[in-house]
Amino acid sequence: MAHRRERHGRGLRGPLALPNPLTGDPVPLRGRPQRAEYFTACVRQAVGRVTASCPRALVGIDVGVEDVPTTVGGWSRDRVPLAAAIGPEPPHTGQVVLYRRPLEHRARTRKGLRILVFRTLVEQLHALTEIPMEELDPEGWATDDDWE
């Protein structure tokens, strides 16, 4: 049976799990989350951590994600921004935008990406609200050097 699945050195062929005995449908196998899904999960986790430690930091501020920064002045080919913070101007709320592709490119591992997303969010919120870093990040994640 294994010989049939490993034909011509192309790897496994055929189903890896037996069908569901009740419905007869194939059992879906969970895969690793795609890059964009994982990045969104990292942002949610970072926002959750900030909300738990300092809820007032996110009052009147929207956090968003874009794939790449738009070509608005202020950056060159050598220095691509990882995020942008826009202060609140009535009637609009403040915004923190995290750029997915530059952050993914900077981090070497998924754990590093999670730390870098959190660090970037904390830095942007600190610049926008002037709340001390120790209050935004009491556990010290923003100073962790394990993101490379």
N, C-alpha and C. Protein backbone atom coordinates (compact mmCIF):
# COMPACT_ATOMS: atom_id res chain seq x y z
N MET A 1 0.82 -1.20 0.00
CA MET A 1 0.00 0.00 0.00
C MET A 1 0.87 1.26 0.00
N ALA A 2 1.93 1.28 0.81
CA ALA A 2 2.79 2.46 0.85
C ALA A 2 3.50 2.65 -0.48
N HIS A 3 3.82 1.54 -1.16
CA HIS A 3 4.48 1.63 -2.44
C HIS A 3 3.60 2.33 -3.46
N ARG A 4 2.29 2.10 -3.40
CA ARG A 4 1.37 2.75 -4.33
C ARG A 4 1.32 4.26 -4.12
N ARG A 5 1.44 4.69 -2.88
CA ARG A 5 1.37 6.12 -2.60
C ARG A 5 2.68 6.83 -2.94
N GLU A 6 3.78 6.14 -2.94
CA GLU A 6 5.08 6.74 -3.18
C GLU A 6 5.55 6.43 -4.60
N ARG A 7 4.67 6.57 -5.56
CA ARG A 7 5.01 6.24 -6.95
C ARG A 7 5.93 7.27 -7.57
N HIS A 8 6.94 6.84 -8.25
CA HIS A 8 7.84 7.68 -9.02
C HIS A 8 8.51 8.78 -8.20
N GLY A 9 8.62 8.59 -6.90
CA GLY A 9 9.32 9.55 -6.06
C GLY A 9 8.64 10.90 -5.94
N ARG A 10 7.33 10.98 -6.17
CA ARG A 10 6.63 12.26 -6.13
C ARG A 10 5.96 12.52 -4.79
N GLY A 11 6.20 11.70 -3.81
CA GLY A 11 5.59 11.93 -2.51
C GLY A 11 4.28 11.18 -2.37
N LEU A 12 3.59 11.42 -1.28
CA LEU A 12 2.35 10.71 -0.97
C LEU A 12 1.25 11.05 -1.97
N ARG A 13 0.50 10.05 -2.33
CA ARG A 13 -0.67 10.22 -3.19
C ARG A 13 -1.88 9.62 -2.47
N GLY A 14 -3.01 10.17 -2.72
CA GLY A 14 -4.23 9.64 -2.12
C GLY A 14 -4.54 10.26 -0.78
N PRO A 15 -5.64 9.88 -0.18
CA PRO A 15 -6.07 10.49 1.08
C PRO A 15 -5.15 10.09 2.24
N LEU A 16 -4.93 11.03 3.15
CA LEU A 16 -4.12 10.76 4.34
C LEU A 16 -4.98 10.36 5.53
N ALA A 17 -6.28 10.53 5.44
CA ALA A 17 -7.19 10.16 6.52
C ALA A 17 -8.39 9.45 5.92
N LEU A 18 -8.91 8.50 6.66
CA LEU A 18 -10.10 7.79 6.19
C LEU A 18 -11.31 8.71 6.22
N PRO A 19 -12.32 8.45 5.37
CA PRO A 19 -13.50 9.30 5.40
C PRO A 19 -14.25 9.19 6.72
N ASN A 20 -15.01 10.23 7.02
CA ASN A 20 -15.85 10.25 8.20
C ASN A 20 -16.85 9.10 8.09
N PRO A 21 -16.93 8.19 9.08
CA PRO A 21 -17.83 7.04 8.97
C PRO A 21 -19.31 7.43 8.98
N LEU A 22 -19.64 8.61 9.53
CA LEU A 22 -21.05 9.01 9.60
C LEU A 22 -21.52 9.68 8.32
N THR A 23 -20.69 10.52 7.75
CA THR A 23 -21.12 11.27 6.57
C THR A 23 -20.51 10.75 5.27
N GLY A 24 -19.39 10.04 5.36
CA GLY A 24 -18.72 9.57 4.17
C GLY A 24 -17.84 10.62 3.51
N ASP A 25 -17.84 11.85 4.04
CA ASP A 25 -17.02 12.92 3.48
C ASP A 25 -15.57 12.77 3.96
N PRO A 26 -14.62 13.24 3.16
CA PRO A 26 -13.24 13.20 3.64
C PRO A 26 -13.05 14.12 4.83
N VAL A 27 -12.19 13.73 5.73
CA VAL A 27 -11.90 14.52 6.92
C VAL A 27 -10.92 15.63 6.52
N PRO A 28 -11.29 16.90 6.73
CA PRO A 28 -10.35 17.97 6.39
C PRO A 28 -9.18 17.98 7.37
N LEU A 29 -7.99 18.11 6.83
CA LEU A 29 -6.81 18.18 7.67
C LEU A 29 -6.45 19.64 7.92
N ARG A 30 -6.18 19.94 9.17
CA ARG A 30 -5.80 21.32 9.51
C ARG A 30 -4.38 21.57 9.06
N GLY A 31 -4.20 22.65 8.38
CA GLY A 31 -2.88 23.02 7.93
C GLY A 31 -2.35 24.19 8.74
N ARG A 32 -1.16 24.55 8.44
CA ARG A 32 -0.55 25.70 9.08
C ARG A 32 -1.23 26.95 8.54
N PRO A 33 -1.53 27.95 9.40
CA PRO A 33 -2.19 29.15 8.89
C PRO A 33 -1.33 29.87 7.86
N GLN A 34 -1.97 30.45 6.88
CA GLN A 34 -1.27 31.20 5.86
C GLN A 34 -0.65 32.45 6.47
N ARG A 35 0.25 33.07 5.73
CA ARG A 35 0.98 34.23 6.25
C ARG A 35 0.05 35.35 6.72
N ALA A 36 -0.89 35.73 5.88
CA ALA A 36 -1.78 36.84 6.23
C ALA A 36 -2.64 36.49 7.45
N GLU A 37 -3.11 35.25 7.52
CA GLU A 37 -3.92 34.82 8.67
C GLU A 37 -3.08 34.86 9.95
N TYR A 38 -1.84 34.39 9.86
CA TYR A 38 -0.98 34.39 11.03
C TYR A 38 -0.67 35.82 11.48
N PHE A 39 -0.42 36.70 10.51
CA PHE A 39 -0.13 38.09 10.85
C PHE A 39 -1.33 38.74 11.55
N THR A 40 -2.53 38.48 11.04
CA THR A 40 -3.74 39.02 11.68
C THR A 40 -3.88 38.49 13.09
N ALA A 41 -3.57 37.21 13.29
CA ALA A 41 -3.62 36.64 14.63
C ALA A 41 -2.59 37.30 15.55
N CYS A 42 -1.41 37.62 15.02
CA CYS A 42 -0.39 38.32 15.81
C CYS A 42 -0.87 39.71 16.23
N VAL A 43 -1.52 40.41 15.31
CA VAL A 43 -2.03 41.75 15.62
C VAL A 43 -3.12 41.65 16.68
N ARG A 44 -4.02 40.68 16.54
CA ARG A 44 -5.07 40.51 17.56
C ARG A 44 -4.47 40.23 18.92
N GLN A 45 -3.45 39.36 18.96
CA GLN A 45 -2.81 39.04 20.23
C GLN A 45 -2.13 40.28 20.82
N ALA A 46 -1.47 41.06 19.99
CA ALA A 46 -0.80 42.28 20.47
C ALA A 46 -1.81 43.28 21.02
N VAL A 47 -2.92 43.47 20.30
CA VAL A 47 -3.97 44.39 20.77
C VAL A 47 -4.56 43.87 22.08
N GLY A 48 -4.75 42.57 22.18
CA GLY A 48 -5.26 41.98 23.42
C GLY A 48 -4.33 42.20 24.60
N ARG A 49 -3.03 42.06 24.36
CA ARG A 49 -2.05 42.29 25.43
C ARG A 49 -2.07 43.75 25.89
N VAL A 50 -2.12 44.66 24.93
CA VAL A 50 -2.15 46.09 25.30
C VAL A 50 -3.45 46.41 26.03
N THR A 51 -4.56 45.87 25.56
CA THR A 51 -5.85 46.11 26.21
C THR A 51 -5.84 45.59 27.64
N ALA A 52 -5.22 44.43 27.86
CA ALA A 52 -5.18 43.86 29.20
C ALA A 52 -4.29 44.69 30.14
N SER A 53 -3.19 45.22 29.63
CA SER A 53 -2.27 45.95 30.50
C SER A 53 -2.62 47.43 30.64
N CYS A 54 -3.15 48.04 29.58
CA CYS A 54 -3.44 49.48 29.61
C CYS A 54 -4.64 49.79 28.71
N PRO A 55 -5.86 49.57 29.19
CA PRO A 55 -7.03 49.76 28.33
C PRO A 55 -7.19 51.17 27.78
N ARG A 56 -6.70 52.18 28.50
CA ARG A 56 -6.89 53.56 28.04
C ARG A 56 -6.05 53.89 26.81
N ALA A 57 -5.05 53.05 26.50
CA ALA A 57 -4.18 53.33 25.36
C ALA A 57 -4.90 53.20 24.02
N LEU A 58 -5.93 52.39 23.96
CA LEU A 58 -6.63 52.16 22.70
C LEU A 58 -7.95 52.92 22.59
N VAL A 59 -8.25 53.76 23.56
CA VAL A 59 -9.48 54.54 23.51
C VAL A 59 -9.35 55.59 22.40
N GLY A 60 -10.26 55.54 21.47
CA GLY A 60 -10.26 56.50 20.37
C GLY A 60 -9.20 56.22 19.31
N ILE A 61 -8.64 55.00 19.30
CA ILE A 61 -7.61 54.65 18.31
C ILE A 61 -8.01 53.36 17.63
N ASP A 62 -7.98 53.38 16.30
CA ASP A 62 -8.24 52.19 15.50
C ASP A 62 -6.92 51.58 15.09
N VAL A 63 -6.83 50.26 15.15
CA VAL A 63 -5.63 49.55 14.71
C VAL A 63 -5.98 48.82 13.43
N GLY A 64 -5.16 49.02 12.40
CA GLY A 64 -5.43 48.39 11.11
C GLY A 64 -4.17 47.76 10.53
N VAL A 65 -4.37 47.00 9.45
CA VAL A 65 -3.28 46.31 8.78
C VAL A 65 -3.36 46.61 7.29
N GLU A 66 -2.22 46.89 6.70
CA GLU A 66 -2.10 47.01 5.25
C GLU A 66 -0.93 46.15 4.82
N ASP A 67 -0.97 45.66 3.59
CA ASP A 67 0.12 44.82 3.11
C ASP A 67 1.43 45.59 2.98
N VAL A 68 1.40 46.72 2.32
CA VAL A 68 2.61 47.52 2.11
C VAL A 68 2.27 48.99 2.34
N PRO A 69 3.27 49.79 2.69
CA PRO A 69 3.00 51.22 2.86
C PRO A 69 2.74 51.88 1.52
N THR A 70 1.89 52.88 1.54
CA THR A 70 1.65 53.66 0.33
C THR A 70 2.83 54.61 0.13
N THR A 71 2.99 55.09 -1.07
CA THR A 71 4.15 55.92 -1.38
C THR A 71 3.90 57.38 -1.03
N VAL A 72 3.66 57.62 0.24
CA VAL A 72 3.57 58.99 0.74
C VAL A 72 4.97 59.35 1.20
N GLY A 73 5.42 60.56 0.93
CA GLY A 73 6.79 60.96 1.25
C GLY A 73 7.24 60.58 2.64
N GLY A 74 8.53 60.72 2.89
CA GLY A 74 9.04 60.45 4.22
C GLY A 74 9.79 59.15 4.35
N TRP A 75 9.94 58.38 3.26
CA TRP A 75 10.74 57.16 3.34
C TRP A 75 11.39 56.89 2.00
N SER A 76 12.52 56.19 2.07
CA SER A 76 13.28 55.90 0.86
C SER A 76 13.35 54.40 0.66
N ARG A 77 14.05 53.99 -0.37
CA ARG A 77 14.18 52.56 -0.65
C ARG A 77 14.98 51.86 0.45
N ASP A 78 15.86 52.57 1.12
CA ASP A 78 16.69 51.96 2.15
C ASP A 78 15.96 51.80 3.48
N ARG A 79 14.98 52.63 3.73
CA ARG A 79 14.25 52.58 5.00
C ARG A 79 12.76 52.54 4.73
N VAL A 80 12.19 51.36 4.81
CA VAL A 80 10.76 51.18 4.60
C VAL A 80 10.07 51.19 5.96
N PRO A 81 9.01 51.97 6.14
CA PRO A 81 8.34 52.02 7.45
C PRO A 81 7.63 50.71 7.77
N LEU A 82 7.65 50.36 9.05
CA LEU A 82 6.96 49.16 9.52
C LEU A 82 5.53 49.47 9.94
N ALA A 83 5.27 50.72 10.31
CA ALA A 83 3.94 51.12 10.77
C ALA A 83 3.80 52.62 10.63
N ALA A 84 2.57 53.08 10.80
CA ALA A 84 2.29 54.51 10.78
C ALA A 84 1.27 54.83 11.86
N ALA A 85 1.43 55.97 12.48
CA ALA A 85 0.48 56.43 13.50
C ALA A 85 -0.05 57.78 13.08
N ILE A 86 -1.37 57.90 13.10
CA ILE A 86 -2.03 59.14 12.72
C ILE A 86 -2.85 59.60 13.92
N GLY A 87 -2.57 60.79 14.39
CA GLY A 87 -3.25 61.32 15.57
C GLY A 87 -4.73 61.60 15.31
N PRO A 88 -5.52 61.61 16.35
CA PRO A 88 -6.95 61.88 16.20
C PRO A 88 -7.21 63.34 15.86
N GLU A 89 -8.03 63.56 14.87
CA GLU A 89 -8.48 64.89 14.50
C GLU A 89 -9.99 64.82 14.34
N PRO A 90 -10.74 65.50 15.21
CA PRO A 90 -12.20 65.41 15.14
C PRO A 90 -12.71 65.70 13.75
N PRO A 91 -13.62 64.96 13.25
CA PRO A 91 -14.41 63.88 13.85
C PRO A 91 -13.78 62.50 13.70
N HIS A 92 -12.51 62.40 13.25
CA HIS A 92 -11.88 61.11 13.02
C HIS A 92 -11.12 60.65 14.26
N THR A 93 -11.04 59.33 14.44
CA THR A 93 -10.28 58.76 15.54
C THR A 93 -8.82 58.61 15.10
N GLY A 94 -7.96 58.35 16.05
CA GLY A 94 -6.56 58.09 15.74
C GLY A 94 -6.40 56.72 15.10
N GLN A 95 -5.32 56.53 14.38
CA GLN A 95 -5.11 55.26 13.69
C GLN A 95 -3.66 54.81 13.86
N VAL A 96 -3.51 53.50 14.02
CA VAL A 96 -2.20 52.86 13.94
C VAL A 96 -2.33 51.82 12.85
N VAL A 97 -1.47 51.92 11.84
CA VAL A 97 -1.49 50.99 10.72
C VAL A 97 -0.18 50.21 10.73
N LEU A 98 -0.30 48.88 10.79
CA LEU A 98 0.87 48.00 10.74
C LEU A 98 1.00 47.45 9.33
N TYR A 99 2.20 47.51 8.77
CA TYR A 99 2.43 47.04 7.41
C TYR A 99 2.95 45.61 7.44
N ARG A 100 2.16 44.70 6.90
CA ARG A 100 2.43 43.26 7.00
C ARG A 100 3.73 42.84 6.32
N ARG A 101 3.91 43.17 5.07
CA ARG A 101 5.07 42.67 4.32
C ARG A 101 6.40 43.16 4.88
N PRO A 102 6.56 44.44 5.21
CA PRO A 102 7.84 44.86 5.81
C PRO A 102 8.12 44.18 7.15
N LEU A 103 7.08 43.99 7.97
CA LEU A 103 7.28 43.32 9.26
C LEU A 103 7.64 41.85 9.05
N GLU A 104 6.98 41.17 8.12
CA GLU A 104 7.31 39.78 7.83
C GLU A 104 8.74 39.66 7.30
N HIS A 105 9.14 40.61 6.48
CA HIS A 105 10.48 40.57 5.91
C HIS A 105 11.55 40.78 6.98
N ARG A 106 11.25 41.58 7.97
CA ARG A 106 12.21 41.88 9.03
C ARG A 106 12.38 40.72 10.01
N ALA A 107 11.31 39.98 10.29
CA ALA A 107 11.37 38.89 11.28
C ALA A 107 11.87 37.61 10.62
N ARG A 108 12.65 36.84 11.37
CA ARG A 108 13.18 35.58 10.83
C ARG A 108 12.32 34.38 11.13
N THR A 109 11.58 34.42 12.24
CA THR A 109 10.74 33.29 12.63
C THR A 109 9.34 33.79 12.93
N ARG A 110 8.41 32.85 13.09
CA ARG A 110 7.05 33.24 13.44
C ARG A 110 6.99 33.83 14.85
N LYS A 111 7.77 33.28 15.76
CA LYS A 111 7.82 33.85 17.11
C LYS A 111 8.40 35.26 17.05
N GLY A 112 9.43 35.44 16.23
CA GLY A 112 10.01 36.76 16.06
C GLY A 112 9.02 37.75 15.48
N LEU A 113 8.18 37.28 14.55
CA LEU A 113 7.16 38.15 13.97
C LEU A 113 6.15 38.58 15.03
N ARG A 114 5.75 37.64 15.88
CA ARG A 114 4.80 37.96 16.94
C ARG A 114 5.37 39.03 17.88
N ILE A 115 6.64 38.89 18.24
CA ILE A 115 7.28 39.86 19.12
C ILE A 115 7.44 41.20 18.42
N LEU A 116 7.84 41.18 17.16
CA LEU A 116 8.04 42.41 16.41
C LEU A 116 6.73 43.18 16.21
N VAL A 117 5.65 42.47 15.95
CA VAL A 117 4.34 43.12 15.80
C VAL A 117 3.95 43.79 17.11
N PHE A 118 4.13 43.10 18.22
CA PHE A 118 3.80 43.68 19.52
C PHE A 118 4.67 44.89 19.81
N ARG A 119 5.98 44.76 19.58
CA ARG A 119 6.90 45.86 19.83
C ARG A 119 6.54 47.09 18.99
N THR A 120 6.23 46.86 17.72
CA THR A 120 5.88 47.96 16.82
C THR A 120 4.59 48.63 17.27
N LEU A 121 3.59 47.84 17.65
CA LEU A 121 2.33 48.42 18.13
C LEU A 121 2.55 49.26 19.38
N VAL A 122 3.34 48.75 20.31
CA VAL A 122 3.60 49.49 21.55
C VAL A 122 4.33 50.80 21.25
N GLU A 123 5.31 50.76 20.35
CA GLU A 123 6.04 51.98 20.01
C GLU A 123 5.13 53.02 19.36
N GLN A 124 4.24 52.57 18.48
CA GLN A 124 3.33 53.51 17.82
C GLN A 124 2.33 54.10 18.80
N LEU A 125 1.81 53.27 19.70
CA LEU A 125 0.88 53.77 20.72
C LEU A 125 1.58 54.74 21.67
N HIS A 126 2.81 54.45 22.01
CA HIS A 126 3.59 55.35 22.88
C HIS A 126 3.77 56.70 22.19
N ALA A 127 4.11 56.69 20.91
CA ALA A 127 4.30 57.94 20.19
C ALA A 127 3.00 58.72 20.03
N LEU A 128 1.90 58.00 19.89
CA LEU A 128 0.61 58.64 19.66
C LEU A 128 -0.02 59.16 20.95
N THR A 129 0.05 58.39 22.02
CA THR A 129 -0.65 58.74 23.26
C THR A 129 0.26 59.30 24.35
N GLU A 130 1.58 59.14 24.19
CA GLU A 130 2.56 59.55 25.18
C GLU A 130 2.40 58.84 26.52
N ILE A 131 1.78 57.67 26.50
CA ILE A 131 1.69 56.82 27.69
C ILE A 131 3.05 56.14 27.84
N PRO A 132 3.61 56.07 29.05
CA PRO A 132 4.93 55.45 29.23
C PRO A 132 4.95 54.00 28.75
N MET A 133 6.10 53.60 28.20
CA MET A 133 6.27 52.23 27.68
C MET A 133 6.04 51.19 28.77
N GLU A 134 6.45 51.50 30.00
CA GLU A 134 6.29 50.55 31.10
C GLU A 134 4.82 50.28 31.40
N GLU A 135 3.97 51.26 31.15
CA GLU A 135 2.54 51.07 31.37
C GLU A 135 1.91 50.29 30.21
N LEU A 136 2.36 50.55 28.99
CA LEU A 136 1.84 49.83 27.83
C LEU A 136 2.31 48.38 27.83
N ASP A 137 3.53 48.15 28.30
CA ASP A 137 4.14 46.83 28.25
C ASP A 137 4.79 46.50 29.59
N PRO A 138 4.00 46.18 30.62
CA PRO A 138 4.59 45.93 31.93
C PRO A 138 5.45 44.67 31.99
N GLU A 139 5.25 43.73 31.06
CA GLU A 139 6.02 42.47 31.08
C GLU A 139 7.36 42.60 30.37
N GLY A 140 7.59 43.70 29.68
CA GLY A 140 8.88 43.91 29.03
C GLY A 140 9.05 43.25 27.69
N TRP A 141 7.97 42.91 27.01
CA TRP A 141 8.08 42.27 25.68
C TRP A 141 8.72 43.20 24.68
N ALA A 142 8.50 44.48 24.81
CA ALA A 142 9.01 45.42 23.82
C ALA A 142 10.53 45.53 23.87
N THR A 143 11.15 45.06 24.94
CA THR A 143 12.60 45.10 25.01
C THR A 143 13.21 43.73 24.79
N ASP A 144 12.41 42.72 24.49
CA ASP A 144 12.89 41.37 24.22
C ASP A 144 13.63 41.35 22.89
N ASP A 145 14.84 40.79 22.88
CA ASP A 145 15.64 40.77 21.65
C ASP A 145 15.55 39.45 20.91
N ASP A 146 14.51 38.68 21.11
CA ASP A 146 14.36 37.36 20.49
C ASP A 146 13.64 37.44 19.14
N TRP A 147 13.47 38.59 18.56
CA TRP A 147 12.68 38.70 17.34
C TRP A 147 13.50 38.45 16.09
N GLU A 148 14.81 38.37 16.19
CA GLU A 148 15.62 38.15 15.00
C GLU A 148 15.74 36.69 14.66
